[in-house]
PDB file of N, CA and C in Angstrom:
ATOM      1  N   UNK A   1     169.497  43.232  76.941  1.00  0.00           N
ATOM      2  CA  UNK A   1     168.383  43.834  76.838  1.00  0.00           C
ATOM      3  C   UNK A   1     166.947  43.585  77.246  1.00  0.00           C
ATOM      4  N   UNK A   2     166.720  41.935  77.434  1.00  0.00           N
ATOM      5  CA  UNK A   2     165.367  41.869  78.249  1.00  0.00           C
ATOM      6  C   UNK A   2     165.553  41.965  79.497  1.00  0.00           C
ATOM      7  N   UNK A   3     166.710  41.716  80.052  1.00  0.00           N
ATOM      8  CA  UNK A   3     166.849  41.990  81.484  1.00  0.00           C
ATOM      9  C   UNK A   3     166.938  43.505  81.983  1.00  0.00           C
ATOM     10  N   UNK A   4     167.009  44.404  80.985  1.00  0.00           N
ATOM     11  CA  UNK A   4     166.713  46.077  81.204  1.00  0.00           C
ATOM     12  C   UNK A   4     165.435  46.141  81.146  1.00  0.00           C
ATOM     13  N   UNK A   5     164.719  45.590  80.151  1.00  0.00           N
ATOM     14  CA  UNK A   5     163.242  45.752  80.169  1.00  0.00           C
ATOM     15  C   UNK A   5     162.635  45.085  81.186  1.00  0.00           C
ATOM     16  N   UNK A   6     162.932  44.045  81.769  1.00  0.00           N
ATOM     17  CA  UNK A   6     162.372  43.524  82.713  1.00  0.00           C
ATOM     18  C   UNK A   6     162.562  44.287  84.272  1.00  0.00           C
ATOM     19  N   UNK A   7     163.551  44.666  83.993  1.00  0.00           N
ATOM     20  CA  UNK A   7     164.168  45.813  85.449  1.00  0.00           C
ATOM     21  C   UNK A   7     163.014  46.952  85.601  1.00  0.00           C
ATOM     22  N   UNK A   8     162.888  47.605  84.126  1.00  0.00           N
ATOM     23  CA  UNK A   8     162.352  48.677  84.271  1.00  0.00           C
ATOM     24  C   UNK A   8     160.498  48.374  84.594  1.00  0.00           C
ATOM     25  N   UNK A   9     160.028  47.207  84.012  1.00  0.00           N
ATOM     26  CA  UNK A   9     158.709  47.096  84.233  1.00  0.00           C
ATOM     27  C   UNK A   9     158.793  46.621  85.941  1.00  0.00           C
ATOM     28  N   UNK A  10     159.759  45.970  86.436  1.00  0.00           N
ATOM     29  CA  UNK A  10     159.688  45.831  87.675  1.00  0.00           C
ATOM     30  C   UNK A  10     159.819  46.875  88.488  1.00  0.00           C
ATOM     31  N   UNK A  11     160.587  47.869  88.063  1.00  0.00           N
ATOM     32  CA  UNK A  11     160.464  49.279  88.868  1.00  0.00           C
ATOM     33  C   UNK A  11     159.037  49.970  88.920  1.00  0.00           C
ATOM     34  N   UNK A  12     158.474  49.754  87.566  1.00  0.00           N
ATOM     35  CA  UNK A  12     157.120  50.449  87.526  1.00  0.00           C
ATOM     36  C   UNK A  12     156.132  49.946  88.283  1.00  0.00           C
ATOM     37  N   UNK A  13     156.172  48.595  88.042  1.00  0.00           N
ATOM     38  CA  UNK A  13     155.064  47.856  89.104  1.00  0.00           C
ATOM     39  C   UNK A  13     155.350  48.028  90.706  1.00  0.00           C
ATOM     40  N   UNK A  14     156.506  48.234  90.987  1.00  0.00           N
ATOM     41  CA  UNK A  14     156.608  48.715  92.508  1.00  0.00           C
ATOM     42  C   UNK A  14     156.363  49.930  92.908  1.00  0.00           C
ATOM     43  N   UNK A  15     156.648  50.738  91.986  1.00  0.00           N
ATOM     44  CA  UNK A  15     156.010  52.127  92.163  1.00  0.00           C
ATOM     45  C   UNK A  15     154.436  52.309  92.069  1.00  0.00           C
ATOM     46  N   UNK A  16     153.995  51.759  91.068  1.00  0.00           N
ATOM     47  CA  UNK A  16     152.656  51.807  91.081  1.00  0.00           C
ATOM     48  C   UNK A  16     151.935  51.146  92.179  1.00  0.00           C
ATOM     49  N   UNK A  17     152.294  49.980  92.908  1.00  0.00           N
ATOM     50  CA  UNK A  17     152.013  49.292  94.341  1.00  0.00           C
ATOM     51  C   UNK A  17     152.099  49.993  95.137  1.00  0.00           C
ATOM     52  N   UNK A  18     153.071  51.033  95.455  1.00  0.00           N
ATOM     53  CA  UNK A  18     153.406  52.049  96.416  1.00  0.00           C
ATOM     54  C   UNK A  18     152.446  53.465  96.367  1.00  0.00           C
ATOM     55  N   UNK A  19     152.309  53.646  95.351  1.00  0.00           N
ATOM     56  CA  UNK A  19     151.267  54.772  95.135  1.00  0.00           C
ATOM     57  C   UNK A  19     149.899  54.278  95.196  1.00  0.00           C
ATOM     58  N   UNK A  20     149.427  53.054  95.059  1.00  0.00           N
ATOM     59  CA  UNK A  20     148.367  52.556  95.431  1.00  0.00           C
ATOM     60  C   UNK A  20     147.907  52.466  96.765  1.00  0.00           C
ATOM     61  N   UNK A  21     149.179  51.971  97.380  1.00  0.00           N
ATOM     62  CA  UNK A  21     148.904  51.971  98.676  1.00  0.00           C
ATOM     63  C   UNK A  21     148.944  52.986  99.517  1.00  0.00           C
ATOM     64  N   UNK A  22     149.720  53.762  99.331  1.00  0.00           N
ATOM     65  CA  UNK A  22     149.532  55.133 100.122  1.00  0.00           C
ATOM     66  C   UNK A  22     148.274  56.052  99.833  1.00  0.00           C
ATOM     67  N   UNK A  23     147.611  55.807  98.730  1.00  0.00           N
ATOM     68  CA  UNK A  23     146.482  56.345  98.536  1.00  0.00           C
ATOM     69  C   UNK A  23     145.356  55.928  99.175  1.00  0.00           C
ATOM     70  N   UNK A  24     145.459  54.554  99.758  1.00  0.00           N
ATOM     71  CA  UNK A  24     144.401  53.806 100.426  1.00  0.00           C
ATOM     72  C   UNK A  24     144.748  53.909 101.835  1.00  0.00           C
ATOM     73  N   UNK A  25     145.808  53.939 102.132  1.00  0.00           N
ATOM     74  CA  UNK A  25     146.501  54.212 103.556  1.00  0.00           C
ATOM     75  C   UNK A  25     146.488  55.775 104.155  1.00  0.00           C
ATOM     76  N   UNK A  26     146.175  56.771 103.625  1.00  0.00           N
ATOM     77  CA  UNK A  26     146.134  58.127 103.614  1.00  0.00           C
ATOM     78  C   UNK A  26     145.076  58.627 104.311  1.00  0.00           C
ATOM     79  N   UNK A  27     145.087  59.473 105.252  1.00  0.00           N
ATOM     80  CA  UNK A  27     144.072  59.567 106.370  1.00  0.00           C
ATOM     81  C   UNK A  27     143.260  61.055 105.461  1.00  0.00           C
ATOM     82  N   UNK A  28     143.519  61.256 104.435  1.00  0.00           N
ATOM     83  CA  UNK A  28     143.006  62.492 103.699  1.00  0.00           C
ATOM     84  C   UNK A  28     141.612  62.144 103.194  1.00  0.00           C
ATOM     85  N   UNK A  29     140.878  62.912 103.438  1.00  0.00           N
ATOM     86  CA  UNK A  29     139.460  62.787 102.974  1.00  0.00           C
ATOM     87  C   UNK A  29     138.960  63.547 102.005  1.00  0.00           C
ATOM     88  N   UNK A  30     137.695  63.811 101.372  1.00  0.00           N
ATOM     89  CA  UNK A  30     137.296  64.685 100.388  1.00  0.00           C
ATOM     90  C   UNK A  30     137.370  66.389 100.875  1.00  0.00           C
ATOM     91  N   UNK A  31     136.990  66.554 102.224  1.00  0.00           N
ATOM     92  CA  UNK A  31     137.104  67.945 103.120  1.00  0.00           C
ATOM     93  C   UNK A  31     138.703  68.015 102.740  1.00  0.00           C
ATOM     94  N   UNK A  32     139.582  67.321 103.064  1.00  0.00           N
ATOM     95  CA  UNK A  32     140.675  68.155 102.889  1.00  0.00           C
ATOM     96  C   UNK A  32     140.955  68.467 101.277  1.00  0.00           C
ATOM     97  N   UNK A  33     140.580  67.963 100.255  1.00  0.00           N
ATOM     98  CA  UNK A  33     140.851  68.510  98.869  1.00  0.00           C
ATOM     99  C   UNK A  33     140.643  70.031  98.541  1.00  0.00           C
ATOM    100  N   UNK A  34     139.500  70.662  99.727  1.00  0.00           N
ATOM    101  CA  UNK A  34     139.232  72.132  99.674  1.00  0.00           C
ATOM    102  C   UNK A  34     140.663  72.827 100.133  1.00  0.00           C
ATOM    103  N   UNK A  35     141.335  72.235 101.058  1.00  0.00           N
ATOM    104  CA  UNK A  35     142.675  72.992 101.487  1.00  0.00           C
ATOM    105  C   UNK A  35     143.765  72.633 100.225  1.00  0.00           C
ATOM    106  N   UNK A  36     143.700  72.016  99.447  1.00  0.00           N
ATOM    107  CA  UNK A  36     144.726  71.844  98.374  1.00  0.00           C
ATOM    108  C   UNK A  36     144.301  72.446  97.172  1.00  0.00           C
ATOM    109  N   UNK A  37     143.178  73.153  97.198  1.00  0.00           N
ATOM    110  CA  UNK A  37     142.681  73.694  95.994  1.00  0.00           C
ATOM    111  C   UNK A  37     143.655  75.228  96.025  1.00  0.00           C
ATOM    112  N   UNK A  38     143.786  75.604  94.710  1.00  0.00           N
ATOM    113  CA  UNK A  38     144.399  77.043  94.766  1.00  0.00           C
ATOM    114  C   UNK A  38     143.561  78.085  95.491  1.00  0.00           C
ATOM    115  N   UNK A  39     144.100  79.211  95.956  1.00  0.00           N
ATOM    116  CA  UNK A  39     143.319  80.234  96.554  1.00  0.00           C
ATOM    117  C   UNK A  39     143.873  81.580  96.110  1.00  0.00           C
ATOM    118  N   UNK A  40     143.053  82.179  95.164  1.00  0.00           N
ATOM    119  CA  UNK A  40     143.628  83.479  94.542  1.00  0.00           C
ATOM    120  C   UNK A  40     142.804  84.543  94.691  1.00  0.00           C
ATOM    121  N   UNK A  41     142.845  85.530  95.953  1.00  0.00           N
ATOM    122  CA  UNK A  41     142.366  86.969  96.257  1.00  0.00           C
ATOM    123  C   UNK A  41     140.781  86.487  96.639  1.00  0.00           C
ATOM    124  N   UNK A  42     140.443  85.374  97.292  1.00  0.00           N
ATOM    125  CA  UNK A  42     139.146  84.944  97.834  1.00  0.00           C
ATOM    126  C   UNK A  42     138.150  84.578  96.486  1.00  0.00           C
ATOM    127  N   UNK A  43     138.883  84.463  95.516  1.00  0.00           N
ATOM    128  CA  UNK A  43     137.810  84.087  94.557  1.00  0.00           C
ATOM    129  C   UNK A  43     137.653  82.465  94.301  1.00  0.00           C
ATOM    130  N   UNK A  44     136.980  81.498  94.190  1.00  0.00           N
ATOM    131  CA  UNK A  44     136.687  80.176  93.778  1.00  0.00           C
ATOM    132  C   UNK A  44     137.371  80.029  92.366  1.00  0.00           C
ATOM    133  N   UNK A  45     138.214  79.232  92.445  1.00  0.00           N
ATOM    134  CA  UNK A  45     139.090  78.941  91.347  1.00  0.00           C
ATOM    135  C   UNK A  45     137.890  78.003  90.427  1.00  0.00           C
ATOM    136  N   UNK A  46     137.038  77.241  90.936  1.00  0.00           N
ATOM    137  CA  UNK A  46     136.104  76.739  89.743  1.00  0.00           C
ATOM    138  C   UNK A  46     134.821  77.485  89.394  1.00  0.00           C
ATOM    139  N   UNK A  47     134.637  78.700  89.492  1.00  0.00           N
ATOM    140  CA  UNK A  47     133.762  79.277  89.045  1.00  0.00           C
ATOM    141  C   UNK A  47     134.301  80.521  87.849  1.00  0.00           C
ATOM    142  N   UNK A  48     133.723  81.335  87.491  1.00  0.00           N
ATOM    143  CA  UNK A  48     133.973  82.367  86.359  1.00  0.00           C
ATOM    144  C   UNK A  48     135.373  82.922  86.765  1.00  0.00           C
ATOM    145  N   UNK A  49     135.966  83.103  85.955  1.00  0.00           N
ATOM    146  CA  UNK A  49     137.220  83.909  86.194  1.00  0.00           C
ATOM    147  C   UNK A  49     137.068  85.590  85.597  1.00  0.00           C
ATOM    148  N   UNK A  50     135.956  85.768  85.101  1.00  0.00           N
ATOM    149  CA  UNK A  50     135.777  87.333  84.976  1.00  0.00           C
ATOM    150  C   UNK A  50     135.067  88.166  85.960  1.00  0.00           C
ATOM    151  N   UNK A  51     135.386  87.738  87.265  1.00  0.00           N
ATOM    152  CA  UNK A  51     134.751  88.411  88.335  1.00  0.00           C
ATOM    153  C   UNK A  51     135.665  89.561  88.570  1.00  0.00           C
ATOM    154  N   UNK A  52     135.287  90.985  88.503  1.00  0.00           N
ATOM    155  CA  UNK A  52     136.081  91.873  88.846  1.00  0.00           C
ATOM    156  C   UNK A  52     136.480  91.928  90.301  1.00  0.00           C
ATOM    157  N   UNK A  53     138.359  92.428  90.181  1.00  0.00           N
ATOM    158  CA  UNK A  53     138.817  92.330  91.643  1.00  0.00           C
ATOM    159  C   UNK A  53     139.138  93.575  91.729  1.00  0.00           C
ATOM    160  N   UNK A  54     139.348  94.048  92.894  1.00  0.00           N
ATOM    161  CA  UNK A  54     139.733  95.482  93.561  1.00  0.00           C
ATOM    162  C   UNK A  54     141.094  95.720  93.120  1.00  0.00           C
ATOM    163  N   UNK A  55     141.222  96.927  92.578  1.00  0.00           N
ATOM    164  CA  UNK A  55     142.569  97.388  91.878  1.00  0.00           C
ATOM    165  C   UNK A  55     143.452  97.773  93.360  1.00  0.00           C
ATOM    166  N   UNK A  56     143.011  97.637  94.568  1.00  0.00           N
ATOM    167  CA  UNK A  56     143.771  98.035  95.549  1.00  0.00           C
ATOM    168  C   UNK A  56     144.601  96.892  96.026  1.00  0.00           C
ATOM    169  N   UNK A  57     144.375  95.642  95.649  1.00  0.00           N
ATOM    170  CA  UNK A  57     145.112  94.373  95.810  1.00  0.00           C
ATOM    171  C   UNK A  57     146.292  94.429  94.833  1.00  0.00           C
ATOM    172  N   UNK A  58     145.858  94.852  93.532  1.00  0.00           N
ATOM    173  CA  UNK A  58     147.015  94.814  92.537  1.00  0.00           C
ATOM    174  C   UNK A  58     147.764  95.949  93.164  1.00  0.00           C
ATOM    175  N   UNK A  59     147.550  97.389  93.534  1.00  0.00           N
ATOM    176  CA  UNK A  59     148.541  98.096  93.630  1.00  0.00           C
ATOM    177  C   UNK A  59     149.257  97.843  94.907  1.00  0.00           C
ATOM    178  N   UNK A  60     148.796  97.071  96.140  1.00  0.00           N
ATOM    179  CA  UNK A  60     149.475  96.772  96.978  1.00  0.00           C
ATOM    180  C   UNK A  60     150.322  95.730  96.921  1.00  0.00           C
ATOM    181  N   UNK A  61     150.162  94.928  95.794  1.00  0.00           N
ATOM    182  CA  UNK A  61     150.886  94.125  95.277  1.00  0.00           C
ATOM    183  C   UNK A  61     152.189  94.696  94.671  1.00  0.00           C
ATOM    184  N   UNK A  62     152.147  95.514  93.871  1.00  0.00           N
ATOM    185  CA  UNK A  62     153.181  96.166  93.130  1.00  0.00           C
ATOM    186  C   UNK A  62     154.072  96.854  93.886  1.00  0.00           C
ATOM    187  N   UNK A  63     153.141  97.742  94.840  1.00  0.00           N
ATOM    188  CA  UNK A  63     154.013  98.253  96.016  1.00  0.00           C
ATOM    189  C   UNK A  63     155.177  97.354  96.842  1.00  0.00           C
ATOM    190  N   UNK A  64     154.458  96.330  97.229  1.00  0.00           N
ATOM    191  CA  UNK A  64     155.371  95.350  98.064  1.00  0.00           C
ATOM    192  C   UNK A  64     156.490  94.929  97.249  1.00  0.00           C
ATOM    193  N   UNK A  65     156.193  94.355  95.951  1.00  0.00           N
ATOM    194  CA  UNK A  65     157.297  94.006  95.108  1.00  0.00           C
ATOM    195  C   UNK A  65     158.462  95.137  94.794  1.00  0.00           C
ATOM    196  N   UNK A  66     157.977  96.018  94.554  1.00  0.00           N
ATOM    197  CA  UNK A  66     158.923  97.337  94.372  1.00  0.00           C
ATOM    198  C   UNK A  66     159.980  97.267  95.647  1.00  0.00           C
ATOM    199  N   UNK A  67     159.389  97.607  96.709  1.00  0.00           N
ATOM    200  CA  UNK A  67     159.839  97.725  98.081  1.00  0.00           C
ATOM    201  C   UNK A  67     160.701  96.350  98.585  1.00  0.00           C
ATOM    202  N   UNK A  68     160.059  95.361  98.304  1.00  0.00           N
ATOM    203  CA  UNK A  68     161.005  94.039  98.441  1.00  0.00           C
ATOM    204  C   UNK A  68     162.198  93.918  97.609  1.00  0.00           C
ATOM    205  N   UNK A  69     162.240  94.598  96.473  1.00  0.00           N
ATOM    206  CA  UNK A  69     163.386  94.490  95.635  1.00  0.00           C
ATOM    207  C   UNK A  69     164.419  95.514  96.277  1.00  0.00           C
ATOM    208  N   UNK A  70     163.688  96.755  96.897  1.00  0.00           N
ATOM    209  CA  UNK A  70     164.371  97.747  97.381  1.00  0.00           C
ATOM    210  C   UNK A  70     165.066  97.348  98.453  1.00  0.00           C
ATOM    211  N   UNK A  71     164.675  96.375  99.188  1.00  0.00           N
ATOM    212  CA  UNK A  71     165.486  95.530 100.478  1.00  0.00           C
ATOM    213  C   UNK A  71     166.577  94.927  99.917  1.00  0.00           C
ATOM    214  N   UNK A  72     166.317  93.988  98.852  1.00  0.00           N
ATOM    215  CA  UNK A  72     167.454  93.291  98.142  1.00  0.00           C
ATOM    216  C   UNK A  72     168.471  93.922  97.478  1.00  0.00           C
ATOM    217  N   UNK A  73     168.180  95.233  97.298  1.00  0.00           N
ATOM    218  CA  UNK A  73     169.355  96.105  96.965  1.00  0.00           C
ATOM    219  C   UNK A  73     170.078  96.759  97.837  1.00  0.00           C
ATOM    220  N   UNK A  74     169.397  97.007  98.920  1.00  0.00           N
ATOM    221  CA  UNK A  74     169.802  97.953  99.906  1.00  0.00           C
ATOM    222  C   UNK A  74     170.878  97.340 100.687  1.00  0.00           C
ATOM    223  N   UNK A  75     170.729  95.642 101.125  1.00  0.00           N
ATOM    224  CA  UNK A  75     171.543  94.632 102.150  1.00  0.00           C
ATOM    225  C   UNK A  75     172.580  94.757 101.684  1.00  0.00           C
ATOM    226  N   UNK A  76     173.022  94.463 100.384  1.00  0.00           N
ATOM    227  CA  UNK A  76     174.678  94.459 100.007  1.00  0.00           C
ATOM    228  C   UNK A  76     175.322  95.544  99.787  1.00  0.00           C
ATOM    229  N   UNK A  77     174.335  96.809 100.150  1.00  0.00           N
ATOM    230  CA  UNK A  77     175.133  98.150 100.590  1.00  0.00           C
ATOM    231  C   UNK A  77     175.974  98.256 101.890  1.00  0.00           C
ATOM    232  N   UNK A  78     175.342  97.509 102.713  1.00  0.00           N
ATOM    233  CA  UNK A  78     176.244  97.513 103.859  1.00  0.00           C
ATOM    234  C   UNK A  78     177.635  96.993 103.644  1.00  0.00           C
ATOM    235  N   UNK A  79     177.512  95.984 102.774  1.00  0.00           N
ATOM    236  CA  UNK A  79     178.789  95.241 102.710  1.00  0.00           C
ATOM    237  C   UNK A  79     179.483  95.771 101.644  1.00  0.00           C
ATOM    238  N   UNK A  80     179.062  96.632 100.807  1.00  0.00           N
ATOM    239  CA  UNK A  80     180.069  97.446  99.922  1.00  0.00           C
ATOM    240  C   UNK A  80     180.466  98.693 100.781  1.00  0.00           C
ATOM    241  N   UNK A  81     180.183  98.938 102.048  1.00  0.00           N
ATOM    242  CA  UNK A  81     180.809 100.188 102.766  1.00  0.00           C
ATOM    243  C   UNK A  81     182.360  99.711 103.187  1.00  0.00           C
ATOM    244  N   UNK A  82     182.426  98.200 103.461  1.00  0.00           N
ATOM    245  CA  UNK A  82     183.810  98.186 103.735  1.00  0.00           C
ATOM    246  C   UNK A  82     184.974  97.985 102.657  1.00  0.00           C
ATOM    247  N   UNK A  83     184.263  98.312 101.491  1.00  0.00           N
ATOM    248  CA  UNK A  83     185.056  97.825 100.108  1.00  0.00           C
ATOM    249  C   UNK A  83     185.372  99.359  99.585  1.00  0.00           C
ATOM    250  N   UNK A  84     184.502 100.201  99.130  1.00  0.00           N
ATOM    251  CA  UNK A  84     184.880 101.391  98.639  1.00  0.00           C
ATOM    252  C   UNK A  84     184.647 102.296  99.389  1.00  0.00           C
ATOM    253  N   UNK A  85     185.044 103.715  99.038  1.00  0.00           N
ATOM    254  CA  UNK A  85     185.508 105.027  99.554  1.00  0.00           C
ATOM    255  C   UNK A  85     183.992 105.533 100.397  1.00  0.00           C
ATOM    256  N   UNK A  86     184.275 106.041 101.322  1.00  0.00           N
ATOM    257  CA  UNK A  86     183.100 106.533 102.327  1.00  0.00           C
ATOM    258  C   UNK A  86     182.436 107.582 101.589  1.00  0.00           C
ATOM    259  N   UNK A  87     182.938 108.616 100.643  1.00  0.00           N
ATOM    260  CA  UNK A  87     182.115 109.487 100.342  1.00  0.00           C
ATOM    261  C   UNK A  87     181.364 108.852  99.167  1.00  0.00           C
ATOM    262  N   UNK A  88     181.922 108.065  98.337  1.00  0.00           N
ATOM    263  CA  UNK A  88     181.012 107.444  97.048  1.00  0.00           C
ATOM    264  C   UNK A  88     179.803 106.266  97.821  1.00  0.00           C
ATOM    265  N   UNK A  89     180.406 105.947  98.816  1.00  0.00           N
ATOM    266  CA  UNK A  89     179.434 105.085  99.468  1.00  0.00           C
ATOM    267  C   UNK A  89     178.166 105.711  99.678  1.00  0.00           C
ATOM    268  N   UNK A  90     178.406 106.824 100.318  1.00  0.00           N
ATOM    269  CA  UNK A  90     177.551 107.869 101.170  1.00  0.00           C
ATOM    270  C   UNK A  90     176.589 108.405 100.019  1.00  0.00           C
ATOM    271  N   UNK A  91     177.111 108.926  98.927  1.00  0.00           N
ATOM    272  CA  UNK A  91     176.382 109.397  97.768  1.00  0.00           C
ATOM    273  C   UNK A  91     175.400 108.460  97.277  1.00  0.00           C
ATOM    274  N   UNK A  92     176.036 107.213  96.852  1.00  0.00           N
ATOM    275  CA  UNK A  92     175.301 106.212  96.007  1.00  0.00           C
ATOM    276  C   UNK A  92     173.869 105.841  97.142  1.00  0.00           C
ATOM    277  N   UNK A  93     174.232 105.693  98.450  1.00  0.00           N
ATOM    278  CA  UNK A  93     173.126 104.902  99.277  1.00  0.00           C
ATOM    279  C   UNK A  93     172.267 106.233  99.336  1.00  0.00           C
ATOM    280  N   UNK A  94     172.564 107.301  99.574  1.00  0.00           N
ATOM    281  CA  UNK A  94     171.888 108.747  99.744  1.00  0.00           C
ATOM    282  C   UNK A  94     171.119 108.840  98.546  1.00  0.00           C
ATOM    283  N   UNK A  95     171.636 108.793  97.293  1.00  0.00           N
ATOM    284  CA  UNK A  95     170.697 108.815  95.876  1.00  0.00           C
ATOM    285  C   UNK A  95     169.619 107.673  95.889  1.00  0.00           C
ATOM    286  N   UNK A  96     170.025 106.561  96.219  1.00  0.00           N
ATOM    287  CA  UNK A  96     169.161 105.472  96.152  1.00  0.00           C
ATOM    288  C   UNK A  96     168.049 105.516  96.927  1.00  0.00           C
ATOM    289  N   UNK A  97     168.325 105.909  98.277  1.00  0.00           N
ATOM    290  CA  UNK A  97     167.300 106.123  99.227  1.00  0.00           C
ATOM    291  C   UNK A  97     166.307 107.406  98.901  1.00  0.00           C
ATOM    292  N   UNK A  98     166.792 108.618  98.496  1.00  0.00           N
ATOM    293  CA  UNK A  98     166.227 109.594  97.854  1.00  0.00           C
ATOM    294  C   UNK A  98     165.315 109.182  96.770  1.00  0.00           C
ATOM    295  N   UNK A  99     165.741 108.444  95.894  1.00  0.00           N
ATOM    296  CA  UNK A  99     164.556 108.177  94.746  1.00  0.00           C
ATOM    297  C   UNK A  99     163.525 107.011  95.228  1.00  0.00           C
ATOM    298  N   UNK A 100     163.629 106.128  96.246  1.00  0.00           N
ATOM    299  CA  UNK A 100     162.496 105.196  96.880  1.00  0.00           C
ATOM    300  C   UNK A 100     162.022 106.071  97.562  1.00  0.00           C
ATOM    301  N   UNK A 101     162.360 107.342  98.304  1.00  0.00           N
ATOM    302  CA  UNK A 101     161.404 108.054  99.107  1.00  0.00           C
ATOM    303  C   UNK A 101     160.634 108.899  98.299  1.00  0.00           C
ATOM    304  N   UNK A 102     161.202 109.273  96.994  1.00  0.00           N
ATOM    305  CA  UNK A 102     160.209 110.178  96.257  1.00  0.00           C
ATOM    306  C   UNK A 102     159.211 109.481  95.247  1.00  0.00           C
ATOM    307  N   UNK A 103     159.516 107.855  95.424  1.00  0.00           N
ATOM    308  CA  UNK A 103     158.359 107.041  94.799  1.00  0.00           C
ATOM    309  C   UNK A 103     157.722 106.722  95.796  1.00  0.00           C
ATOM    310  N   UNK A 104     158.115 106.606  96.915  1.00  0.00           N
ATOM    311  CA  UNK A 104     156.863 106.439  98.061  1.00  0.00           C
ATOM    312  C   UNK A 104     155.932 107.777  98.226  1.00  0.00           C
ATOM    313  N   UNK A 105     156.517 108.472  98.098  1.00  0.00           N
ATOM    314  CA  UNK A 105     156.043 109.964  98.253  1.00  0.00           C
ATOM    315  C   UNK A 105     154.711 110.250  97.232  1.00  0.00           C
ATOM    316  N   UNK A 106     155.162 110.009  96.013  1.00  0.00           N
ATOM    317  CA  UNK A 106     154.616 110.105  94.830  1.00  0.00           C
ATOM    318  C   UNK A 106     153.355 108.684  94.663  1.00  0.00           C
ATOM    319  N   UNK A 107     153.509 107.650  95.092  1.00  0.00           N
ATOM    320  CA  UNK A 107     152.535 106.696  95.401  1.00  0.00           C
ATOM    321  C   UNK A 107     151.358 107.016  96.500  1.00  0.00           C
ATOM    322  N   UNK A 108     151.704 107.829  97.782  1.00  0.00           N
ATOM    323  CA  UNK A 108     151.007 108.351  98.465  1.00  0.00           C
ATOM    324  C   UNK A 108     150.212 109.385  98.123  1.00  0.00           C
ATOM    325  N   UNK A 109     151.034 110.120  97.371  1.00  0.00           N
ATOM    326  CA  UNK A 109     150.002 111.792  96.933  1.00  0.00           C
ATOM    327  C   UNK A 109     149.198 111.155  95.835  1.00  0.00           C
ATOM    328  N   UNK A 110     149.386 109.920  95.042  1.00  0.00           N
ATOM    329  CA  UNK A 110     148.273 109.751  93.767  1.00  0.00           C
ATOM    330  C   UNK A 110     147.213 108.604  94.806  1.00  0.00           C
ATOM    331  N   UNK A 111     147.240 107.968  95.655  1.00  0.00           N
ATOM    332  CA  UNK A 111     146.152 107.698  96.592  1.00  0.00           C
ATOM    333  C   UNK A 111     146.314 106.106  96.317  1.00  0.00           C
ATOM    334  N   UNK A 112     147.448 105.672  95.976  1.00  0.00           N
ATOM    335  CA  UNK A 112     147.732 104.207  95.834  1.00  0.00           C
ATOM    336  C   UNK A 112     147.468 103.672  97.702  1.00  0.00           C
ATOM    337  N   UNK A 113     148.360 104.227  98.295  1.00  0.00           N
ATOM    338  CA  UNK A 113     148.381 103.601  99.803  1.00  0.00           C
ATOM    339  C   UNK A 113     146.807 103.942 100.241  1.00  0.00           C
ATOM    340  N   UNK A 114     146.007 104.501  99.875  1.00  0.00           N
ATOM    341  CA  UNK A 114     144.773 105.093 100.498  1.00  0.00           C
ATOM    342  C   UNK A 114     143.704 103.780 100.440  1.00  0.00           C
ATOM    343  N   UNK A 115     143.284 103.293 101.498  1.00  0.00           N
ATOM    344  CA  UNK A 115     142.550 102.061 101.370  1.00  0.00           C
ATOM    345  C   UNK A 115     141.009 102.686 101.064  1.00  0.00           C
ATOM    346  N   UNK A 116     140.455 103.456 101.870  1.00  0.00           N
ATOM    347  CA  UNK A 116     139.389 104.054 101.654  1.00  0.00           C
ATOM    348  C   UNK A 116     138.753 104.102  99.716  1.00  0.00           C
ATOM    349  N   UNK A 117     137.607 104.032  99.688  1.00  0.00           N
ATOM    350  CA  UNK A 117     137.176 104.111  98.427  1.00  0.00           C
ATOM    351  C   UNK A 117     136.713 105.735  98.154  1.00  0.00           C
TER     352      UNK A 117
END
């Protein structure tokens, strides 16, 4: 039991020595800390978080996520072409693409893709 405790203390001491040495020998300066801080839509994370942001950034992000998921759903359709019947595959692919295009046109007519105010 004592040897297990001694090994644990030894491992802890070695890891602490290595961490202290790397912090002293690293080339990082206080200027590099700005690069390591989080960057969220151009806001300084150390100031107030109640600053209003543009709704356009949010809408473009949501549209990007929707069409990113759409690509993830479209790619397996290419591989399913070899497995399923051609007419069923064409029907499902056509319906899927029509629904996505209708969604894109809806966003376009609602003005979500218009960047001017």
